[in-house]
Protein backbone atom coordinates (compact mmCIF):
# COMPACT_ATOMS: atom_id res chain seq x y z
CA MET A 1 138.00 78.30 63.71
CA ASN A 2 141.27 78.82 62.47
CA ARG A 3 142.84 76.08 63.35
CA ILE A 4 142.27 72.64 61.52
CA VAL A 5 144.01 69.36 63.22
CA LEU A 6 144.73 66.50 60.77
CA LEU A 7 144.35 62.54 62.54
CA GLY A 8 145.00 59.91 60.32
CA ALA A 9 143.17 56.90 61.06
CA PRO A 10 144.57 53.95 58.96
CA VAL A 11 141.69 51.42 59.65
CA GLU A 12 141.17 48.91 57.01
CA GLU A 13 139.43 45.84 58.88
CA GLY A 14 136.04 47.16 58.77
CA SER A 15 136.12 46.66 55.38
CA GLY A 16 137.16 43.18 54.30
CA ARG A 17 139.54 44.09 51.85
CA ARG A 18 143.05 45.80 51.84
CA GLY A 19 144.35 49.18 50.98
CA CYS A 20 142.49 52.03 53.02
CA ARG A 21 145.01 51.99 55.39
CA MET A 22 146.70 53.96 52.91
CA GLY A 23 144.14 56.62 52.91
CA PRO A 24 146.00 58.86 55.32
CA ASP A 25 149.04 59.10 53.17
CA ALA A 26 147.08 59.81 50.15
CA TYR A 27 145.84 62.50 51.28
CA ARG A 28 148.60 63.80 52.72
CA THR A 29 150.58 63.06 49.32
CA ALA A 30 147.55 64.80 47.52
CA GLY A 31 148.18 68.26 49.31
CA LEU A 32 145.32 68.35 51.81
CA GLN A 33 147.66 70.71 54.49
CA GLU A 34 148.94 72.96 51.76
CA ASP A 35 145.80 73.50 50.35
CA LEU A 36 143.97 74.14 53.38
CA SER A 37 147.14 76.29 55.00
CA GLY A 38 146.67 78.33 51.45
CA LEU A 39 143.20 79.27 52.36
CA GLY A 40 144.25 80.75 55.36
CA PHE A 41 144.09 78.26 57.98
CA GLU A 42 146.75 77.18 60.58
CA VAL A 43 147.02 73.54 60.17
CA GLU A 44 148.55 70.69 62.55
CA ASP A 45 148.98 67.13 61.21
CA LEU A 46 148.84 65.18 64.37
CA GLY A 47 150.06 61.80 62.69
CA ASN A 48 148.13 58.77 62.62
CA ALA A 49 146.28 57.12 65.57
CA THR A 50 146.91 53.79 66.64
CA CYS A 51 144.62 50.77 67.72
CA GLU A 52 144.51 50.27 71.17
CA PRO A 53 144.09 46.67 72.70
CA ALA A 54 140.59 45.12 73.02
CA PRO A 55 140.61 41.66 73.89
CA ASP A 56 137.41 41.85 75.73
CA ALA A 57 135.68 42.05 72.36
CA VAL A 58 133.63 39.20 72.05
CA ALA A 59 131.71 38.11 68.69
CA PRO A 60 128.02 37.69 69.66
CA ASN A 61 127.65 35.71 66.53
CA SER A 62 130.33 34.07 63.99
CA ARG A 63 129.46 36.43 61.31
CA LEU A 64 131.32 39.64 62.19
CA VAL A 65 134.55 39.91 60.73
CA GLU A 66 137.91 41.57 62.98
CA LEU A 67 135.38 42.51 66.10
CA GLU A 68 138.68 42.94 68.42
CA ARG A 69 140.49 45.20 65.88
CA VAL A 70 137.48 47.32 65.08
CA ALA A 71 136.81 47.75 68.85
CA GLY A 72 140.39 48.66 69.29
CA TRP A 73 140.25 51.34 66.65
CA THR A 74 136.76 52.32 67.99
CA ARG A 75 138.23 53.20 71.13
CA ALA A 76 141.23 54.94 70.23
CA LEU A 77 139.60 57.12 67.80
CA HIS A 78 136.51 57.72 70.54
CA GLY A 79 139.12 59.16 72.72
CA TRP A 80 140.96 61.32 70.50
CA ALA A 81 137.31 62.79 68.89
CA ARG A 82 135.95 63.34 72.58
CA ASP A 83 139.13 65.30 73.43
CA LEU A 84 139.58 67.17 70.10
CA GLY A 85 135.73 68.08 69.85
CA GLN A 86 136.21 70.18 73.01
CA ARG A 87 139.60 72.01 71.32
CA ASP A 88 139.58 75.53 69.58
CA ALA A 89 140.51 73.67 66.36
CA PHE A 90 138.39 71.59 63.55
CA PRO A 91 139.26 67.88 63.62
CA ILE A 92 139.49 66.35 60.19
CA TYR A 93 139.97 62.26 60.64
CA LEU A 94 141.91 60.94 57.60
CA GLY A 95 140.34 57.23 56.89
CA GLY A 96 140.44 54.76 56.68
CA ASP A 97 137.37 52.88 56.08
CA HIS A 98 133.83 54.27 57.29
CA SER A 99 134.22 51.69 60.75
CA LEU A 100 136.51 54.56 61.75
CA SER A 101 133.33 56.81 62.46
CA LEU A 102 132.49 54.12 65.13
CA GLY A 103 134.67 56.31 67.27
CA THR A 104 134.99 59.28 65.82
CA VAL A 105 130.81 60.05 65.82
CA THR A 106 130.73 58.85 69.26
CA GLY A 107 133.69 60.84 70.60
CA GLN A 108 132.33 64.07 68.89
CA ALA A 109 129.15 63.16 70.34
CA ALA A 110 130.34 63.00 74.02
CA ALA A 111 132.57 65.91 73.16
CA ALA A 112 129.24 68.20 72.15
CA GLU A 113 127.60 66.77 75.34
CA ALA A 114 130.47 68.10 77.51
CA LEU A 115 129.83 71.32 75.90
CA GLY A 116 125.97 71.26 76.25
CA ARG A 117 125.08 71.52 72.82
CA PRO A 118 123.35 68.76 70.58
CA LEU A 119 125.40 66.93 67.71
CA PHE A 120 124.17 66.58 64.33
CA VAL A 121 125.33 64.18 61.60
CA LEU A 122 125.41 64.44 57.89
CA TRP A 123 125.89 61.07 56.38
CA LEU A 124 127.33 61.17 52.39
CA ASP A 125 127.68 57.75 51.82
CA ALA A 126 126.03 55.47 49.12
CA HIS A 127 124.99 53.15 51.72
CA SER A 128 123.16 54.05 55.35
CA ASP A 129 125.78 52.05 57.44
CA PHE A 130 122.55 51.32 59.93
CA ASN A 131 123.17 47.53 60.16
CA THR A 132 123.50 45.84 63.62
CA PHE A 133 125.85 42.67 64.78
CA GLU A 134 122.35 40.90 64.13
CA THR A 135 121.19 42.12 60.79
CA THR A 136 124.58 42.69 58.92
CA GLU A 137 124.75 40.18 56.14
CA THR A 138 128.68 40.55 55.33
CA GLY A 139 129.64 40.78 58.94
CA HIS A 140 132.13 43.96 57.79
CA LEU A 141 131.77 46.78 60.73
CA HIS A 142 132.08 49.51 58.29
CA GLY A 143 128.52 48.63 57.61
CA VAL A 144 127.46 49.72 61.30
CA PRO A 145 128.77 53.01 62.39
CA LEU A 146 125.60 55.18 62.20
CA ALA A 147 123.35 52.46 64.15
CA TYR A 148 125.79 52.09 66.75
CA ALA A 149 126.42 56.22 67.22
CA CYS A 150 122.22 56.24 67.21
CA GLY A 151 122.06 54.15 69.93
CA LEU A 152 120.62 50.74 68.62
CA PRO A 153 121.31 47.78 71.01
CA GLY A 154 124.11 44.95 70.99
CA PHE A 155 127.28 47.28 70.30
CA ASP A 156 128.59 46.93 74.06
CA ALA A 157 131.91 45.23 72.79
CA LEU A 158 133.04 48.36 70.98
CA LEU A 159 133.77 50.66 73.59
CA GLY A 160 133.15 47.84 76.57
CA ARG A 161 130.31 49.72 77.77
CA PRO A 162 127.19 51.33 76.31
CA VAL A 163 128.14 54.51 74.13
CA PRO A 164 128.53 57.10 76.65
CA SER A 165 126.92 59.80 74.38
CA VAL A 166 124.05 58.96 71.64
CA VAL A 167 123.17 60.74 68.50
CA ASP A 168 119.68 61.33 68.25
CA PRO A 169 118.62 59.90 64.85
CA ALA A 170 116.26 63.04 64.33
CA ASN A 171 119.35 64.83 63.99
CA VAL A 172 120.62 63.02 61.28
CA CYS A 173 120.52 63.20 57.52
CA ILE A 174 121.94 60.79 54.79
CA LEU A 175 122.39 61.77 51.49
CA GLY A 176 123.51 59.85 48.20
CA LEU A 177 121.55 56.62 49.48
CA ARG A 178 121.73 53.86 46.92
CA SER A 179 122.50 50.83 48.44
CA VAL A 180 120.72 49.61 51.77
CA ASP A 181 119.93 45.78 52.67
CA LYS A 182 116.73 44.75 53.32
CA ALA A 183 116.98 44.55 57.30
CA GLU A 184 118.72 47.57 57.54
CA ARG A 185 116.00 49.64 55.80
CA VAL A 186 113.55 48.69 58.72
CA LEU A 187 116.15 49.72 61.29
CA LEU A 188 116.43 53.08 59.63
CA ARG A 189 112.69 53.84 59.05
CA ARG A 190 111.93 52.68 62.15
CA SER A 191 114.81 55.09 63.78
CA GLY A 192 113.45 58.52 61.94
CA ALA A 193 116.64 59.62 60.58
CA GLU A 194 116.34 61.83 57.77
CA ALA A 195 117.21 59.47 54.41
CA HIS A 196 117.28 60.40 51.01
CA ASP A 197 118.53 58.58 48.12
CA MET A 198 119.84 59.45 44.62
CA ARG A 199 115.86 59.42 43.28
CA ALA A 200 115.08 62.01 45.54
CA ILE A 201 118.04 63.90 44.77
CA ASP A 202 117.32 63.64 40.90
CA GLU A 203 113.93 65.46 41.52
CA ALA A 204 114.28 67.45 44.11
CA GLY A 205 117.89 68.88 43.64
CA ILE A 206 120.56 68.33 46.25
CA ALA A 207 120.36 71.90 47.88
CA ARG A 208 116.54 71.81 48.20
CA LEU A 209 116.96 68.57 50.70
CA LEU A 210 120.19 69.80 52.29
CA GLU A 211 118.88 73.59 53.40
CA PRO A 212 116.31 72.36 55.71
CA PHE A 213 118.71 70.32 57.72
CA LEU A 214 121.06 73.10 57.57
CA GLU A 215 118.46 75.41 59.17
CA THR A 216 117.34 72.72 61.87
CA VAL A 217 121.02 72.63 63.00
CA ALA A 218 121.02 76.04 63.42
CA GLY A 219 118.00 76.46 65.10
CA ALA A 220 119.14 74.33 67.54
CA GLY A 221 122.40 75.77 68.14
CA GLY A 222 123.94 72.04 67.24
CA LEU A 223 127.08 71.24 66.22
CA LEU A 224 127.60 69.25 62.77
CA HIS A 225 129.68 66.65 61.98
CA VAL A 226 130.27 65.75 58.28
CA SER A 227 131.30 62.01 57.41
CA LEU A 228 132.26 62.07 53.69
CA ASP A 229 132.31 58.49 52.10
CA VAL A 230 133.97 58.26 48.74
CA ASP A 231 131.48 56.19 47.46
CA PHE A 232 129.33 59.27 47.71
CA LEU A 233 130.30 60.27 44.65
CA ASP A 234 129.68 58.54 41.49
CA PRO A 235 132.47 55.87 40.49
CA GLY A 236 133.34 57.54 37.13
CA ILE A 237 135.13 60.32 38.82
CA ALA A 238 135.91 58.47 42.21
CA PRO A 239 137.34 55.29 41.62
CA ALA A 240 139.22 54.65 44.72
CA VAL A 241 136.53 52.86 46.75
CA GLY A 242 135.93 48.84 47.28
CA THR A 243 132.33 49.74 47.36
CA THR A 244 131.50 51.28 44.11
CA VAL A 245 127.81 51.95 43.24
CA PRO A 246 126.59 53.48 39.88
CA GLY A 247 124.64 56.47 39.92
CA GLY A 248 125.98 58.79 42.63
CA ALA A 249 126.68 62.34 43.19
CA THR A 250 128.20 64.53 40.52
CA PHE A 251 131.37 66.48 40.78
CA ARG A 252 129.00 69.61 40.75
CA GLU A 253 126.58 68.24 43.17
CA ALA A 254 129.11 67.11 45.73
CA HIS A 255 130.95 70.67 45.61
CA LEU A 256 127.56 72.53 45.79
CA VAL A 257 126.97 70.39 49.47
CA MET A 258 130.60 71.57 50.33
CA GLU A 259 129.80 75.27 49.46
CA MET A 260 126.31 75.31 51.04
CA LEU A 261 128.14 73.45 54.30
CA HIS A 262 130.97 76.57 54.31
CA ASP A 263 128.22 78.86 53.67
CA SER A 264 126.34 77.64 56.90
CA ARG A 265 129.33 77.59 59.36
CA LEU A 266 128.02 75.27 61.25
CA VAL A 267 130.69 72.15 60.31
CA SER A 268 132.25 71.36 63.39
CA SER A 269 134.21 68.59 62.57
CA LEU A 270 134.60 65.95 59.11
CA ASP A 271 135.38 62.19 58.38
CA LEU A 272 137.12 61.59 55.34
CA VAL A 273 136.60 57.84 54.47
CA GLU A 274 136.61 54.50 52.22
CA LEU A 275 139.58 56.09 50.26
CA ASN A 276 141.70 53.03 48.78
CA PRO A 277 144.75 54.24 46.81
CA PHE A 278 144.96 50.63 45.38
CA LEU A 279 141.97 51.04 43.40
CA ASP A 280 142.85 54.86 42.17
CA ASP A 281 143.38 56.42 39.02
CA ARG A 282 146.58 58.41 39.03
CA GLY A 283 145.35 60.32 42.59
CA GLN A 284 142.15 61.24 40.82
CA THR A 285 139.88 60.22 43.82
CA ALA A 286 142.40 61.55 46.71
CA ARG A 287 142.81 65.00 44.56
CA LEU A 288 138.83 65.32 44.29
CA MET A 289 138.42 64.61 48.10
CA VAL A 290 141.21 67.28 49.08
CA ASP A 291 139.08 69.67 46.52
CA LEU A 292 135.87 69.21 48.11
CA THR A 293 137.37 69.46 51.67
CA ALA A 294 138.98 72.90 50.39
CA SER A 295 135.48 74.04 48.94
CA LEU A 296 133.92 73.03 52.82
CA PHE A 297 136.92 75.71 54.28
CA GLY A 298 135.92 78.06 51.59
CA ARG A 299 137.71 77.36 48.28
CA GLN A 300 135.06 79.16 45.49
CA VAL A 301 134.80 77.86 42.02
CA LEU A 302 136.73 80.51 40.34
CA ASP A 303 139.91 80.04 43.02
CA ARG A 304 139.96 76.08 41.74
CA PRO A 305 143.43 75.45 40.18
CA THR A 306 143.62 73.84 36.74
CA ARG A 307 145.55 70.67 37.39
CA GLY A 308 147.89 68.57 34.79
CA HIS A 309 148.65 64.93 35.08
């Protein structure tokens, strides 16, 4: 695809703290559109999505935080992704906290089903986000989107109906895990999703873990959605996130993942999530996320610009 569309998703209700709603504009200020245009792509910025009303979204327990707003965002972004996923363009969803993926992943799954192809998901994150409404310890709904997309029960309030197109957990690969709740861990193991923590990356190397997954996607003729959370990265190089966990991916590990994804020619959509500009240091994290996106679209090591401050 030579066309890229950018859609802002200024969602912060899923995270329990303020700041993520400024994420889409931080990516724009950091030069995302200009960098991608410089690589030869036609880039269209669609502006920001808006939250739909969802007064029928009733919480099944008192722990859930901002369910009505998160459900409204889910419905809006599901519709956008279902549509964009069937166009001849590559959608990038600019977050916004990770609850935006409740809509983007399920919408991309619906688009893939309409196109007659399976959707695969690469989840780059310190957390598996595999809680349900019943297992979440905090009630913050940025911790449930992958469980929802994989069809676990109890989420009908989000769309007002069951999720129409479920991602097969066998089509999911999680890289970079460092923090998984106890009950969440049980659900993840039962699901059959592929999950690699940082110890596995330390021992095997990130390329050896990613390559077999990409071969599986290619063999199935699948579409690949990548969801990149700022906390996949070590907080020493990416401080602008409210869920920092030490020991994340290094600068080169993260770029290697993006370079391998580019070489595979399999990626069809992308989430950039959990950027909180309130917590950034002179735009350091926003610029790094833009650089990683440029690597996904073909910028090579020797092409990377030297940046001043």
